[in-house]
C-alpha atoms as a PDB file:
ATOM      1  CA  MET A   1       0.000   0.000   0.000  1.00  0.00           C
ATOM      2  CA  ARG A   2       1.427   3.365  -1.021  1.00  0.00           C
ATOM      3  CA  GLN A   3       1.060   6.319   1.321  1.00  0.00           C
ATOM      4  CA  VAL A   4       2.363   9.877   0.869  1.00  0.00           C
ATOM      5  CA  ILE A   5       2.758  11.964   4.020  1.00  0.00           C
ATOM      6  CA  PRO A   6       3.772  15.640   4.015  1.00  0.00           C
ATOM      7  CA  ALA A   7       6.149  16.535   6.852  1.00  0.00           C
ATOM      8  CA  PRO A   8       8.995  18.962   7.500  1.00  0.00           C
ATOM      9  CA  CYS A   9      12.501  18.304   6.199  1.00  0.00           C
ATOM     10  CA  PRO A  10      14.780  17.658   9.190  1.00  0.00           C
ATOM     11  CA  ASP A  11      17.508  19.832   7.610  1.00  0.00           C
ATOM     12  CA  CYS A  12      15.696  22.964   6.427  1.00  0.00           C
ATOM     13  CA  GLY A  13      12.169  22.671   7.862  1.00  0.00           C
ATOM     14  CA  LYS A  14      10.404  23.021   4.477  1.00  0.00           C
ATOM     15  CA  ASP A  15       7.457  20.624   3.972  1.00  0.00           C
ATOM     16  CA  ILE A  16       8.311  17.692   1.714  1.00  0.00           C
ATOM     17  CA  GLU A  17       6.563  14.451   0.807  1.00  0.00           C
ATOM     18  CA  TYR A  18       7.641  11.203   2.452  1.00  0.00           C
ATOM     19  CA  ILE A  19       6.587   8.145   0.483  1.00  0.00           C
ATOM     20  CA  TYR A  20       5.910   4.876   2.305  1.00  0.00           C
ATOM     21  CA  ASP A  21       5.233   1.867   0.090  1.00  0.00           C
ATOM     22  CA  THR A  22       4.954  -1.820   0.930  1.00  0.00           C
ATOM     23  CA  GLU A  23       5.993  -4.657  -1.334  1.00  0.00           C
ATOM     24  CA  ASN A  24       5.778  -8.400  -0.867  1.00  0.00           C
ATOM     25  CA  ILE A  25       8.919 -10.308  -1.771  1.00  0.00           C
ATOM     26  CA  PRO A  26       8.010 -13.968  -2.332  1.00  0.00           C
ATOM     27  CA  TYR A  27       9.674 -16.432   0.067  1.00  0.00           C
ATOM     28  CA  PHE A  28      10.968 -13.542   2.173  1.00  0.00           C
ATOM     29  CA  SER A  29       8.432 -11.116   3.647  1.00  0.00           C
ATOM     30  CA  ASP A  30       6.672  -7.817   3.215  1.00  0.00           C
ATOM     31  CA  ILE A  31       9.043  -4.858   3.128  1.00  0.00           C
ATOM     32  CA  LEU A  32       8.460  -1.167   3.672  1.00  0.00           C
ATOM     33  CA  LEU A  33      10.168   1.211   1.250  1.00  0.00           C
ATOM     34  CA  ILE A  34      10.702   4.732   2.592  1.00  0.00           C
ATOM     35  CA  CYS A  35      11.693   7.719   0.468  1.00  0.00           C
ATOM     36  CA  GLY A  36      11.912  11.453   1.039  1.00  0.00           C
ATOM     37  CA  VAL A  37      13.810  14.100  -0.946  1.00  0.00           C
ATOM     38  CA  CYS A  38      14.173  17.849  -0.371  1.00  0.00           C
ATOM     39  CA  ASN A  39      15.582  20.585  -2.608  1.00  0.00           C
ATOM     40  CA  CYS A  40      18.048  21.490   0.182  1.00  0.00           C
ATOM     41  CA  GLY A  41      19.865  18.192  -0.419  1.00  0.00           C
ATOM     42  CA  PHE A  42      18.290  16.075   2.320  1.00  0.00           C
ATOM     43  CA  LYS A  43      17.471  12.562   1.143  1.00  0.00           C
ATOM     44  CA  ILE A  44      16.290   9.408   2.885  1.00  0.00           C
ATOM     45  CA  VAL A  45      15.816   6.056   1.218  1.00  0.00           C
ATOM     46  CA  ASP A  46      15.476   2.897   3.275  1.00  0.00           C
ATOM     47  CA  THR A  47      13.958  -0.558   3.359  1.00  0.00           C
ATOM     48  CA  MET A  48      12.566  -2.330   6.401  1.00  0.00           C
ATOM     49  CA  ILE A  49      11.384  -5.886   6.789  1.00  0.00           C
ATOM     50  CA  MET A  50       7.860  -5.830   8.199  1.00  0.00           C
ATOM     51  CA  ASN A  51       7.961  -9.010  10.278  1.00  0.00           C
ATOM     52  CA  ASP A  52      10.025  -9.992  13.303  1.00  0.00           C
ATOM     53  CA  HIS A  53      13.737  -9.758  12.696  1.00  0.00           C
ATOM     54  CA  GLU A  54      16.937 -10.292  14.586  1.00  0.00           C
ATOM     55  CA  PRO A  55      20.587  -9.601  13.768  1.00  0.00           C
ATOM     56  CA  SER A  56      21.525 -11.782  10.820  1.00  0.00           C
ATOM     57  CA  ARG A  57      24.145 -12.731   8.286  1.00  0.00           C
ATOM     58  CA  TRP A  58      23.210 -13.937   4.807  1.00  0.00           C
ATOM     59  CA  GLU A  59      25.656 -15.767   2.558  1.00  0.00           C
ATOM     60  CA  MET A  60      25.299 -17.029  -0.999  1.00  0.00           C
ATOM     61  CA  LYS A  61      27.763 -18.637  -3.376  1.00  0.00           C
ATOM     62  CA  VAL A  62      27.135 -17.219  -6.870  1.00  0.00           C
ATOM     63  CA  GLU A  63      28.016 -19.731  -9.587  1.00  0.00           C
ATOM     64  CA  THR A  64      25.436 -19.549 -12.396  1.00  0.00           C
ATOM     65  CA  PRO A  65      23.765 -16.836 -14.494  1.00  0.00           C
ATOM     66  CA  GLU A  66      20.510 -17.551 -12.600  1.00  0.00           C
ATOM     67  CA  ASP A  67      22.253 -16.782  -9.294  1.00  0.00           C
ATOM     68  CA  LEU A  68      22.861 -13.221 -10.516  1.00  0.00           C
ATOM     69  CA  ASP A  69      19.075 -12.703 -10.472  1.00  0.00           C
ATOM     70  CA  ALA A  70      18.707 -13.461  -6.735  1.00  0.00           C
ATOM     71  CA  ARG A  71      16.939 -10.563  -5.049  1.00  0.00           C
ATOM     72  CA  VAL A  72      18.908  -8.592  -2.456  1.00  0.00           C
ATOM     73  CA  VAL A  73      17.384  -6.363   0.211  1.00  0.00           C
ATOM     74  CA  ARG A  74      19.866  -4.134   2.019  1.00  0.00           C
ATOM     75  CA  SER A  75      18.822  -1.825   4.843  1.00  0.00           C
ATOM     76  CA  MET A  76      20.688   1.293   5.920  1.00  0.00           C
ATOM     77  CA  GLN A  77      22.609  -0.863   8.427  1.00  0.00           C
ATOM     78  CA  GLY A  78      23.513  -3.750   6.102  1.00  0.00           C
ATOM     79  CA  GLU A  79      27.153  -4.406   5.249  1.00  0.00           C
ATOM     80  CA  ILE A  80      27.961  -6.254   2.009  1.00  0.00           C
ATOM     81  CA  ASP A  81      31.137  -8.279   1.454  1.00  0.00           C
ATOM     82  CA  ILE A  82      32.452 -10.081  -1.610  1.00  0.00           C
ATOM     83  CA  PRO A  83      35.519 -11.729  -0.042  1.00  0.00           C
ATOM     84  CA  GLU A  84      37.013 -13.107  -3.260  1.00  0.00           C
ATOM     85  CA  PHE A  85      37.407  -9.553  -4.586  1.00  0.00           C
ATOM     86  CA  GLY A  86      38.234  -7.890  -1.272  1.00  0.00           C
ATOM     87  CA  ILE A  87      35.079  -5.776  -1.600  1.00  0.00           C
ATOM     88  CA  ASN A  88      33.482  -4.443   1.591  1.00  0.00           C
ATOM     89  CA  ILE A  89      30.538  -2.053   1.320  1.00  0.00           C
ATOM     90  CA  ARG A  90      30.008  -0.585   4.786  1.00  0.00           C
ATOM     91  CA  PRO A  91      27.123   1.681   5.697  1.00  0.00           C
ATOM     92  CA  GLY A  92      28.110   5.296   6.209  1.00  0.00           C
ATOM     93  CA  PRO A  93      26.301   8.448   7.292  1.00  0.00           C
ATOM     94  CA  SER A  94      24.620   8.875   3.896  1.00  0.00           C
ATOM     95  CA  CYS A  95      23.940   5.167   3.323  1.00  0.00           C
ATOM     96  CA  PHE A  96      20.600   4.211   1.810  1.00  0.00           C
ATOM     97  CA  GLY A  97      18.685   0.969   1.802  1.00  0.00           C
ATOM     98  CA  PHE A  98      17.801  -0.624  -1.526  1.00  0.00           C
ATOM     99  CA  VAL A  99      16.255  -3.612  -3.257  1.00  0.00           C
ATOM    100  CA  SER A 100      18.293  -5.011  -6.143  1.00  0.00           C
ATOM    101  CA  ASN A 101      19.742  -8.315  -7.298  1.00  0.00           C
ATOM    102  CA  ILE A 102      23.245  -9.833  -7.169  1.00  0.00           C
ATOM    103  CA  GLU A 103      24.106  -8.352 -10.578  1.00  0.00           C
ATOM    104  CA  GLY A 104      23.038  -4.939  -9.260  1.00  0.00           C
ATOM    105  CA  ILE A 105      25.441  -5.379  -6.310  1.00  0.00           C
ATOM    106  CA  LEU A 106      28.265  -6.076  -8.776  1.00  0.00           C
ATOM    107  CA  GLU A 107      27.282  -3.010 -10.809  1.00  0.00           C
ATOM    108  CA  ARG A 108      27.393  -0.831  -7.684  1.00  0.00           C
ATOM    109  CA  ALA A 109      30.810  -2.270  -6.769  1.00  0.00           C
ATOM    110  CA  GLU A 110      32.078  -1.681 -10.306  1.00  0.00           C
ATOM    111  CA  ASP A 111      30.928   1.952 -10.201  1.00  0.00           C
ATOM    112  CA  ALA A 112      32.631   2.442  -6.813  1.00  0.00           C
ATOM    113  CA  VAL A 113      35.912   1.019  -8.150  1.00  0.00           C
ATOM    114  CA  LYS A 114      35.730   3.317 -11.185  1.00  0.00           C
ATOM    115  CA  ARG A 115      35.159   6.367  -8.961  1.00  0.00           C
ATOM    116  CA  ALA A 116      37.984   5.353  -6.609  1.00  0.00           C
ATOM    117  CA  ALA A 117      40.387   4.709  -9.505  1.00  0.00           C
ATOM    118  CA  ILE A 118      40.193   8.385 -10.501  1.00  0.00           C
ATOM    119  CA  SER A 119      42.188   9.365  -7.411  1.00  0.00           C
ATOM    120  CA  CYS A 120      44.544   6.358  -7.466  1.00  0.00           C
ATOM    121  CA  GLY A 121      48.146   6.221  -8.524  1.00  0.00           C
ATOM    122  CA  GLY A 122      50.801   3.580  -9.255  1.00  0.00           C
ATOM    123  CA  ASP A 123      49.959   0.060  -8.138  1.00  0.00           C
ATOM    124  CA  GLU A 124      46.470   1.130  -7.051  1.00  0.00           C
ATOM    125  CA  ILE A 125      45.541   1.864 -10.678  1.00  0.00           C
ATOM    126  CA  CYS A 126      46.664  -1.629 -11.694  1.00  0.00           C
ATOM    127  CA  ARG A 127      44.691  -3.222  -8.848  1.00  0.00           C
ATOM    128  CA  ALA A 128      41.594  -1.185  -9.739  1.00  0.00           C
ATOM    129  CA  ALA A 129      41.848  -2.360 -13.370  1.00  0.00           C
ATOM    130  CA  GLU A 130      42.271  -5.991 -12.229  1.00  0.00           C
ATOM    131  CA  LEU A 131      39.278  -5.685  -9.934  1.00  0.00           C
ATOM    132  CA  GLN A 132      37.146  -4.234 -12.740  1.00  0.00           C
ATOM    133  CA  GLU A 133      38.097  -7.228 -14.922  1.00  0.00           C
ATOM    134  CA  GLU A 134      37.199  -9.668 -12.118  1.00  0.00           C
ATOM    135  CA  ILE A 135      33.827  -7.994 -11.605  1.00  0.00           C
ATOM    136  CA  ALA A 136      33.143  -8.058 -15.363  1.00  0.00           C
ATOM    137  CA  LYS A 137      33.876 -11.810 -15.424  1.00  0.00           C
ATOM    138  CA  ALA A 138      31.637 -12.334 -12.385  1.00  0.00           C
ATOM    139  CA  ARG A 139      28.800 -10.459 -14.127  1.00  0.00           C
ATOM    140  CA  LYS A 140      29.121 -12.987 -16.984  1.00  0.00           C
ATOM    141  CA  SER A 141      29.195 -15.922 -14.496  1.00  0.00           C
ATOM    142  CA  GLU A 142      32.721 -16.789 -15.627  1.00  0.00           C
ATOM    143  CA  ILE A 143      34.062 -16.919 -12.063  1.00  0.00           C
ATOM    144  CA  PRO A 144      32.274 -17.899  -8.838  1.00  0.00           C
ATOM    145  CA  PHE A 145      32.126 -15.565  -5.844  1.00  0.00           C
ATOM    146  CA  THR A 146      30.352 -15.189  -2.526  1.00  0.00           C
ATOM    147  CA  VAL A 147      28.034 -12.409  -1.374  1.00  0.00           C
ATOM    148  CA  VAL A 148      27.743 -11.889   2.385  1.00  0.00           C
ATOM    149  CA  ILE A 149      25.331  -9.420   3.987  1.00  0.00           C
ATOM    150  CA  THR A 150      25.627  -8.730   7.708  1.00  0.00           C
ATOM    151  CA  ASP A 151      22.956  -6.600   9.349  1.00  0.00           C
ATOM    152  CA  PRO A 152      22.615  -5.878  13.082  1.00  0.00           C
ATOM    153  CA  SER A 153      19.025  -4.716  12.442  1.00  0.00           C
ATOM    154  CA  GLY A 154      18.075  -7.932  10.632  1.00  0.00           C
ATOM    155  CA  ASN A 155      16.452  -5.878   7.867  1.00  0.00           C
ATOM    156  CA  SER A 156      18.648  -7.158   5.016  1.00  0.00           C
ATOM    157  CA  GLY A 157      18.582 -10.459   3.161  1.00  0.00           C
ATOM    158  CA  ILE A 158      19.089 -12.498   0.007  1.00  0.00           C
ATOM    159  CA  VAL A 159      16.069 -14.189  -1.562  1.00  0.00           C
ATOM    160  CA  SER A 160      17.326 -17.486  -2.982  1.00  0.00           C
ATOM    161  CA  SER A 161      17.132 -21.148  -2.041  1.00  0.00           C
ATOM    162  CA  LYS A 162      20.964 -21.094  -2.148  1.00  0.00           C
ATOM    163  CA  ALA A 163      21.225 -18.284   0.437  1.00  0.00           C
ATOM    164  CA  LYS A 164      22.056 -19.303   3.986  1.00  0.00           C
ATOM    165  CA  LYS A 165      20.904 -17.221   6.954  1.00  0.00           C
ATOM    166  CA  THR A 166      22.739 -17.211  10.273  1.00  0.00           C
ATOM    167  CA  LYS A 167      21.474 -15.515  13.420  1.00  0.00           C
ATOM    168  CA  LEU A 168      24.078 -13.277  15.003  1.00  0.00           C
ATOM    169  CA  ASP A 169      25.121 -12.255  18.470  1.00  0.00           C
ATOM    170  CA  ILE A 170      25.718  -8.494  18.317  1.00  0.00           C
ATOM    171  CA  GLU A 171      27.858  -6.794  20.948  1.00  0.00           C
ATOM    172  CA  PRO A 172      28.355  -3.000  20.955  1.00  0.00           C
ATOM    173  CA  GLU A 173      31.986  -1.836  20.662  1.00  0.00           C
ATOM    174  CA  PRO A 174      33.544   1.649  20.458  1.00  0.00           C
ATOM    175  CA  ASP A 175      34.025   1.436  16.656  1.00  0.00           C
ATOM    176  CA  GLY A 176      30.753  -0.306  15.820  1.00  0.00           C
ATOM    177  CA  TYR A 177      29.621  -3.848  16.545  1.00  0.00           C
ATOM    178  CA  SER A 178      31.298  -7.167  17.144  1.00  0.00           C
ATOM    179  CA  VAL A 179      29.361  -9.754  15.178  1.00  0.00           C
ATOM    180  CA  LYS A 180      29.538 -13.437  16.073  1.00  0.00           C
ATOM    181  CA  PRO A 181      27.469 -16.316  14.676  1.00  0.00           C
ATOM    182  CA  LEU A 182      25.373 -17.955  17.391  1.00  0.00           C
ATOM    183  CA  ALA A 183      26.542 -21.483  18.233  1.00  0.00           C
END
């Protein structure tokens, strides 16, 4: 159900429209999509799982072209890792939630590498080029890789029969959270 609610922008106070929309993701759950944008530059985009959730870690080995189509839900607190490529996408202060698929995650990583390569020099340029080639091969299912999503809020996930979910024990630490799989 889509609902539009006018409310003040937290940055400038001007009234803007916040859009709340629900979507059912088969074999997963209902999610709430939240969006609000102001001319002053304020922007919020997030996803929330509508049922009970607990800190979790999702892992999926991507080996076939069909695996690239697996749906991914990442909340504002979700951290994405692709260990084979040394890719770690950590949430920051302007992090947004999104719904995509595995190929979309690779596309986002590829764009980030391209942006980072602009300010690189020496060996970093070579590594960025190698990483772009690895990602391009992964997008064609020429090399297998693993996608891991860790989320202390439990609002992220991977929708695939190949995805494995682990409940996590979250302990606050000065620099974030210590995440441990539950035994």
